[in-house]
Amino acid sequence: MKFSHLANKLRSKITKFSGILSQDLDKTARRFVGEAIYGIIASQSVMLTDRGRQLEEDVSLKKIEERFSRQLFKPGIWGCLHQRILLLASNRVKDKTLLILDLSDRLRSRQQ
């Protein structure tokens, strides 16, 4: 399989998944979710600048980072995404499913 074909297929799957996750959000928030997922996968980083570099847009990296920051602080975006993730995952959790939570990072950040 050619690399460009594989990349296009992956981008298509990311677009489909991000569309499902963000279907209750406005247009700019939906775009942000798709770009965030793609950027994290492509850059293997959660840093806004690293994710922005992966988009290869004609816009300055500073403007992309500002756009991402605005979306991160948009009211309601996280609640909506959490609800969609819970809804999508809930049918996969059965009576005998093990749920293992690692709260050590959360506890460490509270202690600092």
PDB file of N, CA and C in Angstrom:
ATOM      1  N   MET A   1       0.852  -1.170   0.000  1.00  0.00           N
ATOM      2  CA  MET A   1       0.000   0.000   0.000  1.00  0.00           C
ATOM      3  C   MET A   1       0.901   1.237   0.000  1.00  0.00           C
ATOM      4  N   LYS A   2       0.605   2.186  -0.849  1.00  0.00           N
ATOM      5  CA  LYS A   2       1.415   3.389  -0.941  1.00  0.00           C
ATOM      6  C   LYS A   2       1.191   4.269   0.281  1.00  0.00           C
ATOM      7  N   PHE A   3       2.241   5.003   0.662  1.00  0.00           N
ATOM      8  CA  PHE A   3       2.191   5.863   1.843  1.00  0.00           C
ATOM      9  C   PHE A   3       1.093   6.918   1.727  1.00  0.00           C
ATOM     10  N   SER A   4       0.969   7.551   0.560  1.00  0.00           N
ATOM     11  CA  SER A   4      -0.036   8.613   0.401  1.00  0.00           C
ATOM     12  C   SER A   4      -1.459   8.047   0.527  1.00  0.00           C
ATOM     13  N   HIS A   5      -1.668   6.842   0.020  1.00  0.00           N
ATOM     14  CA  HIS A   5      -2.977   6.206   0.135  1.00  0.00           C
ATOM     15  C   HIS A   5      -3.285   5.887   1.595  1.00  0.00           C
ATOM     16  N   LEU A   6      -2.296   5.379   2.306  1.00  0.00           N
ATOM     17  CA  LEU A   6      -2.451   5.073   3.727  1.00  0.00           C
ATOM     18  C   LEU A   6      -2.724   6.343   4.531  1.00  0.00           C
ATOM     19  N   ALA A   7      -1.985   7.413   4.227  1.00  0.00           N
ATOM     20  CA  ALA A   7      -2.174   8.691   4.925  1.00  0.00           C
ATOM     21  C   ALA A   7      -3.583   9.241   4.682  1.00  0.00           C
ATOM     22  N   ASN A   8      -4.055   9.154   3.460  1.00  0.00           N
ATOM     23  CA  ASN A   8      -5.411   9.629   3.145  1.00  0.00           C
ATOM     24  C   ASN A   8      -6.465   8.796   3.856  1.00  0.00           C
ATOM     25  N   LYS A   9      -6.251   7.498   3.925  1.00  0.00           N
ATOM     26  CA  LYS A   9      -7.193   6.612   4.605  1.00  0.00           C
ATOM     27  C   LYS A   9      -7.239   6.922   6.099  1.00  0.00           C
ATOM     28  N   LEU A  10      -6.071   7.138   6.688  1.00  0.00           N
ATOM     29  CA  LEU A  10      -5.991   7.485   8.104  1.00  0.00           C
ATOM     30  C   LEU A  10      -6.673   8.827   8.367  1.00  0.00           C
ATOM     31  N   ARG A  11      -6.407   9.808   7.534  1.00  0.00           N
ATOM     32  CA  ARG A  11      -7.027  11.131   7.681  1.00  0.00           C
ATOM     33  C   ARG A  11      -8.550  11.013   7.590  1.00  0.00           C
ATOM     34  N   SER A  12      -9.035  10.172   6.681  1.00  0.00           N
ATOM     35  CA  SER A  12     -10.471   9.952   6.532  1.00  0.00           C
ATOM     36  C   SER A  12     -11.079   9.342   7.794  1.00  0.00           C
ATOM     37  N   LYS A  13     -10.394   8.369   8.377  1.00  0.00           N
ATOM     38  CA  LYS A  13     -10.894   7.732   9.606  1.00  0.00           C
ATOM     39  C   LYS A  13     -10.881   8.711  10.779  1.00  0.00           C
ATOM     40  N   ILE A  14      -9.864   9.545  10.850  1.00  0.00           N
ATOM     41  CA  ILE A  14      -9.798  10.560  11.908  1.00  0.00           C
ATOM     42  C   ILE A  14     -10.949  11.546  11.741  1.00  0.00           C
ATOM     43  N   THR A  15     -11.212  11.962  10.518  1.00  0.00           N
ATOM     44  CA  THR A  15     -12.304  12.892  10.241  1.00  0.00           C
ATOM     45  C   THR A  15     -13.644  12.291  10.638  1.00  0.00           C
ATOM     46  N   LYS A  16     -13.843  11.023  10.308  1.00  0.00           N
ATOM     47  CA  LYS A  16     -15.099  10.348  10.666  1.00  0.00           C
ATOM     48  C   LYS A  16     -15.250  10.259  12.187  1.00  0.00           C
ATOM     49  N   PHE A  17     -14.188   9.832  12.874  1.00  0.00           N
ATOM     50  CA  PHE A  17     -14.225   9.702  14.325  1.00  0.00           C
ATOM     51  C   PHE A  17     -14.443  11.052  14.995  1.00  0.00           C
ATOM     52  N   SER A  18     -13.718  12.075  14.565  1.00  0.00           N
ATOM     53  CA  SER A  18     -13.867  13.389  15.182  1.00  0.00           C
ATOM     54  C   SER A  18     -15.259  13.968  14.911  1.00  0.00           C
ATOM     55  N   GLY A  19     -15.835  13.635  13.769  1.00  0.00           N
ATOM     56  CA  GLY A  19     -17.199  14.080  13.469  1.00  0.00           C
ATOM     57  C   GLY A  19     -18.223  13.451  14.403  1.00  0.00           C
ATOM     58  N   ILE A  20     -18.012  12.180  14.723  1.00  0.00           N
ATOM     59  CA  ILE A  20     -18.904  11.498  15.662  1.00  0.00           C
ATOM     60  C   ILE A  20     -18.760  12.105  17.055  1.00  0.00           C
ATOM     61  N   LEU A  21     -17.523  12.348  17.470  1.00  0.00           N
ATOM     62  CA  LEU A  21     -17.277  12.914  18.802  1.00  0.00           C
ATOM     63  C   LEU A  21     -17.853  14.316  18.954  1.00  0.00           C
ATOM     64  N   SER A  22     -17.745  15.102  17.916  1.00  0.00           N
ATOM     65  CA  SER A  22     -18.063  16.523  18.033  1.00  0.00           C
ATOM     66  C   SER A  22     -19.378  16.925  17.369  1.00  0.00           C
ATOM     67  N   GLN A  23     -20.244  15.979  17.109  1.00  0.00           N
ATOM     68  CA  GLN A  23     -21.451  16.288  16.342  1.00  0.00           C
ATOM     69  C   GLN A  23     -22.367  17.323  17.001  1.00  0.00           C
ATOM     70  N   ASP A  24     -22.280  17.478  18.320  1.00  0.00           N
ATOM     71  CA  ASP A  24     -23.138  18.443  19.009  1.00  0.00           C
ATOM     72  C   ASP A  24     -22.474  19.807  19.191  1.00  0.00           C
ATOM     73  N   LEU A  25     -21.294  19.989  18.636  1.00  0.00           N
ATOM     74  CA  LEU A  25     -20.558  21.240  18.777  1.00  0.00           C
ATOM     75  C   LEU A  25     -20.737  22.121  17.537  1.00  0.00           C
ATOM     76  N   ASP A  26     -20.351  23.396  17.679  1.00  0.00           N
ATOM     77  CA  ASP A  26     -20.434  24.293  16.520  1.00  0.00           C
ATOM     78  C   ASP A  26     -19.302  23.983  15.533  1.00  0.00           C
ATOM     79  N   LYS A  27     -19.355  24.632  14.390  1.00  0.00           N
ATOM     80  CA  LYS A  27     -18.441  24.326  13.287  1.00  0.00           C
ATOM     81  C   LYS A  27     -16.969  24.502  13.675  1.00  0.00           C
ATOM     82  N   THR A  28     -16.639  25.596  14.366  1.00  0.00           N
ATOM     83  CA  THR A  28     -15.239  25.831  14.718  1.00  0.00           C
ATOM     84  C   THR A  28     -14.746  24.822  15.748  1.00  0.00           C
ATOM     85  N   ALA A  29     -15.604  24.434  16.670  1.00  0.00           N
ATOM     86  CA  ALA A  29     -15.223  23.433  17.671  1.00  0.00           C
ATOM     87  C   ALA A  29     -15.041  22.066  17.012  1.00  0.00           C
ATOM     88  N   ARG A  30     -15.899  21.740  16.041  1.00  0.00           N
ATOM     89  CA  ARG A  30     -15.750  20.464  15.319  1.00  0.00           C
ATOM     90  C   ARG A  30     -14.425  20.428  14.563  1.00  0.00           C
ATOM     91  N   ARG A  31     -14.085  21.551  13.949  1.00  0.00           N
ATOM     92  CA  ARG A  31     -12.806  21.635  13.237  1.00  0.00           C
ATOM     93  C   ARG A  31     -11.651  21.455  14.215  1.00  0.00           C
ATOM     94  N   PHE A  32     -11.744  22.094  15.362  1.00  0.00           N
ATOM     95  CA  PHE A  32     -10.697  21.985  16.380  1.00  0.00           C
ATOM     96  C   PHE A  32     -10.509  20.544  16.830  1.00  0.00           C
ATOM     97  N   VAL A  33     -11.587  19.828  17.075  1.00  0.00           N
ATOM     98  CA  VAL A  33     -11.503  18.433  17.534  1.00  0.00           C
ATOM     99  C   VAL A  33     -10.778  17.584  16.484  1.00  0.00           C
ATOM    100  N   GLY A  34     -11.145  17.756  15.232  1.00  0.00           N
ATOM    101  CA  GLY A  34     -10.478  17.007  14.164  1.00  0.00           C
ATOM    102  C   GLY A  34      -9.004  17.337  14.056  1.00  0.00           C
ATOM    103  N   GLU A  35      -8.679  18.629  14.107  1.00  0.00           N
ATOM    104  CA  GLU A  35      -7.282  19.038  14.022  1.00  0.00           C
ATOM    105  C   GLU A  35      -6.490  18.583  15.253  1.00  0.00           C
ATOM    106  N   ALA A  36      -7.132  18.603  16.410  1.00  0.00           N
ATOM    107  CA  ALA A  36      -6.455  18.175  17.638  1.00  0.00           C
ATOM    108  C   ALA A  36      -6.118  16.694  17.581  1.00  0.00           C
ATOM    109  N   ILE A  37      -7.074  15.883  17.172  1.00  0.00           N
ATOM    110  CA  ILE A  37      -6.826  14.440  17.084  1.00  0.00           C
ATOM    111  C   ILE A  37      -5.734  14.149  16.060  1.00  0.00           C
ATOM    112  N   TYR A  38      -5.850  14.746  14.888  1.00  0.00           N
ATOM    113  CA  TYR A  38      -4.832  14.541  13.851  1.00  0.00           C
ATOM    114  C   TYR A  38      -3.462  15.017  14.332  1.00  0.00           C
ATOM    115  N   GLY A  39      -3.410  16.206  14.935  1.00  0.00           N
ATOM    116  CA  GLY A  39      -2.153  16.776  15.391  1.00  0.00           C
ATOM    117  C   GLY A  39      -1.477  15.936  16.455  1.00  0.00           C
ATOM    118  N   ILE A  40      -2.267  15.415  17.389  1.00  0.00           N
ATOM    119  CA  ILE A  40      -1.699  14.579  18.450  1.00  0.00           C
ATOM    120  C   ILE A  40      -1.123  13.290  17.860  1.00  0.00           C
ATOM    121  N   ILE A  41      -1.855  12.681  16.947  1.00  0.00           N
ATOM    122  CA  ILE A  41      -1.371  11.433  16.328  1.00  0.00           C
ATOM    123  C   ILE A  41      -0.131  11.704  15.470  1.00  0.00           C
ATOM    124  N   ALA A  42      -0.186  12.753  14.660  1.00  0.00           N
ATOM    125  CA  ALA A  42       0.918  13.020  13.738  1.00  0.00           C
ATOM    126  C   ALA A  42       2.185  13.487  14.455  1.00  0.00           C
ATOM    127  N   SER A  43       2.030  14.322  15.484  1.00  0.00           N
ATOM    128  CA  SER A  43       3.204  14.865  16.163  1.00  0.00           C
ATOM    129  C   SER A  43       3.628  14.039  17.369  1.00  0.00           C
ATOM    130  N   GLN A  44       2.745  13.145  17.822  1.00  0.00           N
ATOM    131  CA  GLN A  44       2.965  12.356  19.030  1.00  0.00           C
ATOM    132  C   GLN A  44       3.226  13.279  20.223  1.00  0.00           C
ATOM    133  N   SER A  45       2.502  14.390  20.242  1.00  0.00           N
ATOM    134  CA  SER A  45       2.666  15.395  21.287  1.00  0.00           C
ATOM    135  C   SER A  45       1.326  16.088  21.521  1.00  0.00           C
ATOM    136  N   VAL A  46       1.131  16.583  22.728  1.00  0.00           N
ATOM    137  CA  VAL A  46      -0.074  17.362  23.020  1.00  0.00           C
ATOM    138  C   VAL A  46       0.227  18.859  23.021  1.00  0.00           C
ATOM    139  N   MET A  47       1.455  19.236  22.763  1.00  0.00           N
ATOM    140  CA  MET A  47       1.835  20.646  22.713  1.00  0.00           C
ATOM    141  C   MET A  47       1.150  21.312  21.513  1.00  0.00           C
ATOM    142  N   LEU A  48       0.565  22.486  21.749  1.00  0.00           N
ATOM    143  CA  LEU A  48      -0.169  23.171  20.688  1.00  0.00           C
ATOM    144  C   LEU A  48       0.713  23.495  19.494  1.00  0.00           C
ATOM    145  N   THR A  49       1.939  23.926  19.731  1.00  0.00           N
ATOM    146  CA  THR A  49       2.819  24.265  18.610  1.00  0.00           C
ATOM    147  C   THR A  49       3.194  23.026  17.799  1.00  0.00           C
ATOM    148  N   ASP A  50       3.451  21.916  18.482  1.00  0.00           N
ATOM    149  CA  ASP A  50       3.772  20.679  17.762  1.00  0.00           C
ATOM    150  C   ASP A  50       2.591  20.230  16.907  1.00  0.00           C
ATOM    151  N   ARG A  51       1.400  20.307  17.475  1.00  0.00           N
ATOM    152  CA  ARG A  51       0.193  19.922  16.726  1.00  0.00           C
ATOM    153  C   ARG A  51      -0.036  20.867  15.564  1.00  0.00           C
ATOM    154  N   GLY A  52       0.193  22.144  15.781  1.00  0.00           N
ATOM    155  CA  GLY A  52      -0.004  23.141  14.729  1.00  0.00           C
ATOM    156  C   GLY A  52       0.920  22.940  13.547  1.00  0.00           C
ATOM    157  N   ARG A  53       2.148  22.534  13.819  1.00  0.00           N
ATOM    158  CA  ARG A  53       3.116  22.294  12.730  1.00  0.00           C
ATOM    159  C   ARG A  53       2.636  21.188  11.792  1.00  0.00           C
ATOM    160  N   GLN A  54       1.927  20.231  12.320  1.00  0.00           N
ATOM    161  CA  GLN A  54       1.470  19.099  11.520  1.00  0.00           C
ATOM    162  C   GLN A  54       0.373  19.485  10.527  1.00  0.00           C
ATOM    163  N   LEU A  55      -0.296  20.603  10.758  1.00  0.00           N
ATOM    164  CA  LEU A  55      -1.405  20.998   9.887  1.00  0.00           C
ATOM    165  C   LEU A  55      -0.934  21.529   8.545  1.00  0.00           C
ATOM    166  N   GLU A  56       0.314  22.004   8.492  1.00  0.00           N
ATOM    167  CA  GLU A  56       0.900  22.503   7.245  1.00  0.00           C
ATOM    168  C   GLU A  56       0.001  23.522   6.566  1.00  0.00           C
ATOM    169  N   GLU A  57      -0.481  24.493   7.340  1.00  0.00           N
ATOM    170  CA  GLU A  57      -1.333  25.550   6.797  1.00  0.00           C
ATOM    171  C   GLU A  57      -0.486  26.753   6.430  1.00  0.00           C
ATOM    172  N   ASP A  58      -1.058  27.653   5.622  1.00  0.00           N
ATOM    173  CA  ASP A  58      -0.369  28.880   5.229  1.00  0.00           C
ATOM    174  C   ASP A  58      -0.509  29.973   6.288  1.00  0.00           C
ATOM    175  N   VAL A  59      -1.056  29.625   7.440  1.00  0.00           N
ATOM    176  CA  VAL A  59      -1.241  30.556   8.541  1.00  0.00           C
ATOM    177  C   VAL A  59      -0.045  30.412   9.477  1.00  0.00           C
ATOM    178  N   SER A  60       0.342  31.523  10.122  1.00  0.00           N
ATOM    179  CA  SER A  60       1.495  31.451  11.025  1.00  0.00           C
ATOM    180  C   SER A  60       1.188  30.524  12.201  1.00  0.00           C
ATOM    181  N   LEU A  61       2.244  29.917  12.705  1.00  0.00           N
ATOM    182  CA  LEU A  61       2.111  28.994  13.831  1.00  0.00           C
ATOM    183  C   LEU A  61       1.530  29.707  15.048  1.00  0.00           C
ATOM    184  N   LYS A  62       1.872  30.965  15.228  1.00  0.00           N
ATOM    185  CA  LYS A  62       1.341  31.755  16.348  1.00  0.00           C
ATOM    186  C   LYS A  62      -0.182  31.868  16.253  1.00  0.00           C
ATOM    187  N   LYS A  63      -0.699  32.116  15.062  1.00  0.00           N
ATOM    188  CA  LYS A  63      -2.150  32.241  14.866  1.00  0.00           C
ATOM    189  C   LYS A  63      -2.852  30.901  15.081  1.00  0.00           C
ATOM    190  N   ILE A  64      -2.234  29.822  14.649  1.00  0.00           N
ATOM    191  CA  ILE A  64      -2.813  28.491  14.867  1.00  0.00           C
ATOM    192  C   ILE A  64      -2.871  28.197  16.359  1.00  0.00           C
ATOM    193  N   GLU A  65      -1.793  28.505  17.062  1.00  0.00           N
ATOM    194  CA  GLU A  65      -1.752  28.285  18.507  1.00  0.00           C
ATOM    195  C   GLU A  65      -2.817  29.124  19.221  1.00  0.00           C
ATOM    196  N   GLU A  66      -3.004  30.360  18.801  1.00  0.00           N
ATOM    197  CA  GLU A  66      -4.046  31.215  19.392  1.00  0.00           C
ATOM    198  C   GLU A  66      -5.437  30.640  19.137  1.00  0.00           C
ATOM    199  N   ARG A  67      -5.650  30.134  17.920  1.00  0.00           N
ATOM    200  CA  ARG A  67      -6.947  29.526  17.580  1.00  0.00           C
ATOM    201  C   ARG A  67      -7.206  28.294  18.440  1.00  0.00           C
ATOM    202  N   PHE A  68      -6.200  27.456  18.594  1.00  0.00           N
ATOM    203  CA  PHE A  68      -6.328  26.277  19.446  1.00  0.00           C
ATOM    204  C   PHE A  68      -6.634  26.681  20.893  1.00  0.00           C
ATOM    205  N   SER A  69      -5.935  27.681  21.388  1.00  0.00           N
ATOM    206  CA  SER A  69      -6.140  28.133  22.768  1.00  0.00           C
ATOM    207  C   SER A  69      -7.568  28.628  22.981  1.00  0.00           C
ATOM    208  N   ARG A  70      -8.088  29.389  22.028  1.00  0.00           N
ATOM    209  CA  ARG A  70      -9.481  29.869  22.138  1.00  0.00           C
ATOM    210  C   ARG A  70     -10.446  28.699  22.227  1.00  0.00           C
ATOM    211  N   GLN A  71     -10.225  27.694  21.411  1.00  0.00           N
ATOM    212  CA  GLN A  71     -11.127  26.544  21.406  1.00  0.00           C
ATOM    213  C   GLN A  71     -11.017  25.741  22.702  1.00  0.00           C
ATOM    214  N   LEU A  72      -9.807  25.636  23.241  1.00  0.00           N
ATOM    215  CA  LEU A  72      -9.623  24.891  24.485  1.00  0.00           C
ATOM    216  C   LEU A  72     -10.423  25.489  25.635  1.00  0.00           C
ATOM    217  N   PHE A  73     -10.589  26.812  25.618  1.00  0.00           N
ATOM    218  CA  PHE A  73     -11.299  27.481  26.704  1.00  0.00           C
ATOM    219  C   PHE A  73     -12.744  27.804  26.369  1.00  0.00           C
ATOM    220  N   LYS A  74     -13.231  27.302  25.244  1.00  0.00           N
ATOM    221  CA  LYS A  74     -14.624  27.547  24.862  1.00  0.00           C
ATOM    222  C   LYS A  74     -15.551  26.839  25.852  1.00  0.00           C
ATOM    223  N   PRO A  75     -16.520  27.558  26.408  1.00  0.00           N
ATOM    224  CA  PRO A  75     -17.428  26.932  27.386  1.00  0.00           C
ATOM    225  C   PRO A  75     -18.215  25.771  26.763  1.00  0.00           C
ATOM    226  N   GLY A  76     -18.307  24.704  27.502  1.00  0.00           N
ATOM    227  CA  GLY A  76     -19.138  23.574  27.090  1.00  0.00           C
ATOM    228  C   GLY A  76     -18.471  22.542  26.215  1.00  0.00           C
ATOM    229  N   ILE A  77     -17.311  22.850  25.647  1.00  0.00           N
ATOM    230  CA  ILE A  77     -16.691  21.902  24.711  1.00  0.00           C
ATOM    231  C   ILE A  77     -16.291  20.609  25.422  1.00  0.00           C
ATOM    232  N   TRP A  78     -15.704  20.720  26.626  1.00  0.00           N
ATOM    233  CA  TRP A  78     -15.240  19.525  27.332  1.00  0.00           C
ATOM    234  C   TRP A  78     -16.398  18.687  27.830  1.00  0.00           C
ATOM    235  N   GLY A  79     -17.432  19.331  28.334  1.00  0.00           N
ATOM    236  CA  GLY A  79     -18.606  18.585  28.791  1.00  0.00           C
ATOM    237  C   GLY A  79     -19.241  17.804  27.662  1.00  0.00           C
ATOM    238  N   CYS A  80     -19.346  18.441  26.509  1.00  0.00           N
ATOM    239  CA  CYS A  80     -19.936  17.787  25.333  1.00  0.00           C
ATOM    240  C   CYS A  80     -19.083  16.594  24.895  1.00  0.00           C
ATOM    241  N   LEU A  81     -17.774  16.776  24.837  1.00  0.00           N
ATOM    242  CA  LEU A  81     -16.893  15.682  24.436  1.00  0.00           C
ATOM    243  C   LEU A  81     -16.926  14.535  25.440  1.00  0.00           C
ATOM    244  N   HIS A  82     -16.936  14.877  26.720  1.00  0.00           N
ATOM    245  CA  HIS A  82     -17.011  13.817  27.740  1.00  0.00           C
ATOM    246  C   HIS A  82     -18.291  13.007  27.602  1.00  0.00           C
ATOM    247  N   GLN A  83     -19.404  13.699  27.389  1.00  0.00           N
ATOM    248  CA  GLN A  83     -20.686  12.995  27.235  1.00  0.00           C
ATOM    249  C   GLN A  83     -20.674  12.071  26.025  1.00  0.00           C
ATOM    250  N   ARG A  84     -20.131  12.546  24.902  1.00  0.00           N
ATOM    251  CA  ARG A  84     -20.082  11.719  23.687  1.00  0.00           C
ATOM    252  C   ARG A  84     -19.183  10.498  23.898  1.00  0.00           C
ATOM    253  N   ILE A  85     -18.044  10.701  24.554  1.00  0.00           N
ATOM    254  CA  ILE A  85     -17.127   9.579  24.799  1.00  0.00           C
ATOM    255  C   ILE A  85     -17.792   8.552  25.707  1.00  0.00           C
ATOM    256  N   LEU A  86     -18.457   9.030  26.764  1.00  0.00           N
ATOM    257  CA  LEU A  86     -19.163   8.110  27.659  1.00  0.00           C
ATOM    258  C   LEU A  86     -20.264   7.357  26.921  1.00  0.00           C
ATOM    259  N   LEU A  87     -20.997   8.063  26.088  1.00  0.00           N
ATOM    260  CA  LEU A  87     -22.074   7.430  25.320  1.00  0.00           C
ATOM    261  C   LEU A  87     -21.518   6.356  24.375  1.00  0.00           C
ATOM    262  N   LEU A  88     -20.436   6.681  23.685  1.00  0.00           N
ATOM    263  CA  LEU A  88     -19.837   5.729  22.746  1.00  0.00           C
ATOM    264  C   LEU A  88     -19.215   4.532  23.457  1.00  0.00           C
ATOM    265  N   ALA A  89     -18.636   4.756  24.636  1.00  0.00           N
ATOM    266  CA  ALA A  89     -17.948   3.685  25.346  1.00  0.00           C
ATOM    267  C   ALA A  89     -18.883   2.841  26.202  1.00  0.00           C
ATOM    268  N   SER A  90     -20.031   3.386  26.565  1.00  0.00           N
ATOM    269  CA  SER A  90     -20.903   2.693  27.515  1.00  0.00           C
ATOM    270  C   SER A  90     -21.390   1.332  27.019  1.00  0.00           C
ATOM    271  N   ASN A  91     -21.600   1.195  25.734  1.00  0.00           N
ATOM    272  CA  ASN A  91     -22.072  -0.101  25.236  1.00  0.00           C
ATOM    273  C   ASN A  91     -20.961  -1.154  25.189  1.00  0.00           C
ATOM    274  N   ARG A  92     -19.715  -0.736  25.422  1.00  0.00           N
ATOM    275  CA  ARG A  92     -18.596  -1.680  25.447  1.00  0.00           C
ATOM    276  C   ARG A  92     -18.308  -2.197  26.856  1.00  0.00           C
ATOM    277  N   VAL A  93     -18.890  -1.550  27.862  1.00  0.00           N
ATOM    278  CA  VAL A  93     -18.663  -1.945  29.251  1.00  0.00           C
ATOM    279  C   VAL A  93     -19.750  -2.937  29.653  1.00  0.00           C
ATOM    280  N   LYS A  94     -19.317  -4.116  30.028  1.00  0.00           N
ATOM    281  CA  LYS A  94     -20.234  -5.189  30.426  1.00  0.00           C
ATOM    282  C   LYS A  94     -20.089  -5.455  31.919  1.00  0.00           C
ATOM    283  N   ASP A  95     -20.880  -6.397  32.439  1.00  0.00           N
ATOM    284  CA  ASP A  95     -20.841  -6.718  33.867  1.00  0.00           C
ATOM    285  C   ASP A  95     -19.466  -7.170  34.335  1.00  0.00           C
ATOM    286  N   LYS A  96     -18.745  -7.882  33.492  1.00  0.00           N
ATOM    287  CA  LYS A  96     -17.450  -8.423  33.904  1.00  0.00           C
ATOM    288  C   LYS A  96     -16.271  -7.620  33.353  1.00  0.00           C
ATOM    289  N   THR A  97     -16.526  -6.444  32.829  1.00  0.00           N
ATOM    290  CA  THR A  97     -15.460  -5.598  32.303  1.00  0.00           C
ATOM    291  C   THR A  97     -14.687  -4.970  33.459  1.00  0.00           C
ATOM    292  N   LEU A  98     -13.361  -5.061  33.377  1.00  0.00           N
ATOM    293  CA  LEU A  98     -12.518  -4.426  34.388  1.00  0.00           C
ATOM    294  C   LEU A  98     -12.258  -2.982  33.989  1.00  0.00           C
ATOM    295  N   LEU A  99     -12.510  -2.076  34.898  1.00  0.00           N
ATOM    296  CA  LEU A  99     -12.176  -0.669  34.690  1.00  0.00           C
ATOM    297  C   LEU A  99     -11.041  -0.336  35.641  1.00  0.00           C
ATOM    298  N   ILE A 100      -9.893  -0.016  35.094  1.00  0.00           N
ATOM    299  CA  ILE A 100      -8.717   0.267  35.905  1.00  0.00           C
ATOM    300  C   ILE A 100      -8.360   1.735  35.709  1.00  0.00           C
ATOM    301  N   LEU A 101      -8.377   2.476  36.800  1.00  0.00           N
ATOM    302  CA  LEU A 101      -8.078   3.906  36.760  1.00  0.00           C
ATOM    303  C   LEU A 101      -6.752   4.170  37.457  1.00  0.00           C
ATOM    304  N   ASP A 102      -5.920   4.964  36.826  1.00  0.00           N
ATOM    305  CA  ASP A 102      -4.659   5.375  37.437  1.00  0.00           C
ATOM    306  C   ASP A 102      -4.799   6.844  37.804  1.00  0.00           C
ATOM    307  N   LEU A 103      -5.085   7.099  39.056  1.00  0.00           N
ATOM    308  CA  LEU A 103      -5.273   8.457  39.538  1.00  0.00           C
ATOM    309  C   LEU A 103      -3.998   9.048  40.131  1.00  0.00           C
ATOM    310  N   SER A 104      -2.873   8.361  39.978  1.00  0.00           N
ATOM    311  CA  SER A 104      -1.632   8.819  40.589  1.00  0.00           C
ATOM    312  C   SER A 104      -1.194  10.189  40.086  1.00  0.00           C
ATOM    313  N   ASP A 105      -1.331  10.455  38.785  1.00  0.00           N
ATOM    314  CA  ASP A 105      -0.962  11.771  38.261  1.00  0.00           C
ATOM    315  C   ASP A 105      -1.848  12.852  38.844  1.00  0.00           C
ATOM    316  N   ARG A 106      -3.113  12.559  38.932  1.00  0.00           N
ATOM    317  CA  ARG A 106      -4.067  13.527  39.481  1.00  0.00           C
ATOM    318  C   ARG A 106      -3.747  13.818  40.942  1.00  0.00           C
ATOM    319  N   LEU A 107      -3.427  12.776  41.699  1.00  0.00           N
ATOM    320  CA  LEU A 107      -3.095  12.954  43.109  1.00  0.00           C
ATOM    321  C   LEU A 107      -1.792  13.720  43.277  1.00  0.00           C
ATOM    322  N   ARG A 108      -0.811  13.410  42.438  1.00  0.00           N
ATOM    323  CA  ARG A 108       0.467  14.100  42.490  1.00  0.00           C
ATOM    324  C   ARG A 108       0.315  15.594  42.203  1.00  0.00           C
ATOM    325  N   SER A 109      -0.521  15.934  41.220  1.00  0.00           N
ATOM    326  CA  SER A 109      -0.688  17.350  40.867  1.00  0.00           C
ATOM    327  C   SER A 109      -1.393  18.120  41.977  1.00  0.00           C
ATOM    328  N   ARG A 110      -2.259  17.464  42.738  1.00  0.00           N
ATOM    329  CA  ARG A 110      -2.918  18.120  43.865  1.00  0.00           C
ATOM    330  C   ARG A 110      -1.956  18.344  45.017  1.00  0.00           C
ATOM    331  N   GLN A 111      -0.975  17.462  45.177  1.00  0.00           N
ATOM    332  CA  GLN A 111      -0.032  17.569  46.285  1.00  0.00           C
ATOM    333  C   GLN A 111       1.006  18.650  46.035  1.00  0.00           C
ATOM    334  N   GLN A 112       1.232  19.006  44.809  1.00  0.00           N
ATOM    335  CA  GLN A 112       2.289  20.001  44.484  1.00  0.00           C
ATOM    336  C   GLN A 112       1.849  21.395  44.715  1.00  0.00           C
TER     337      GLN A 112
END
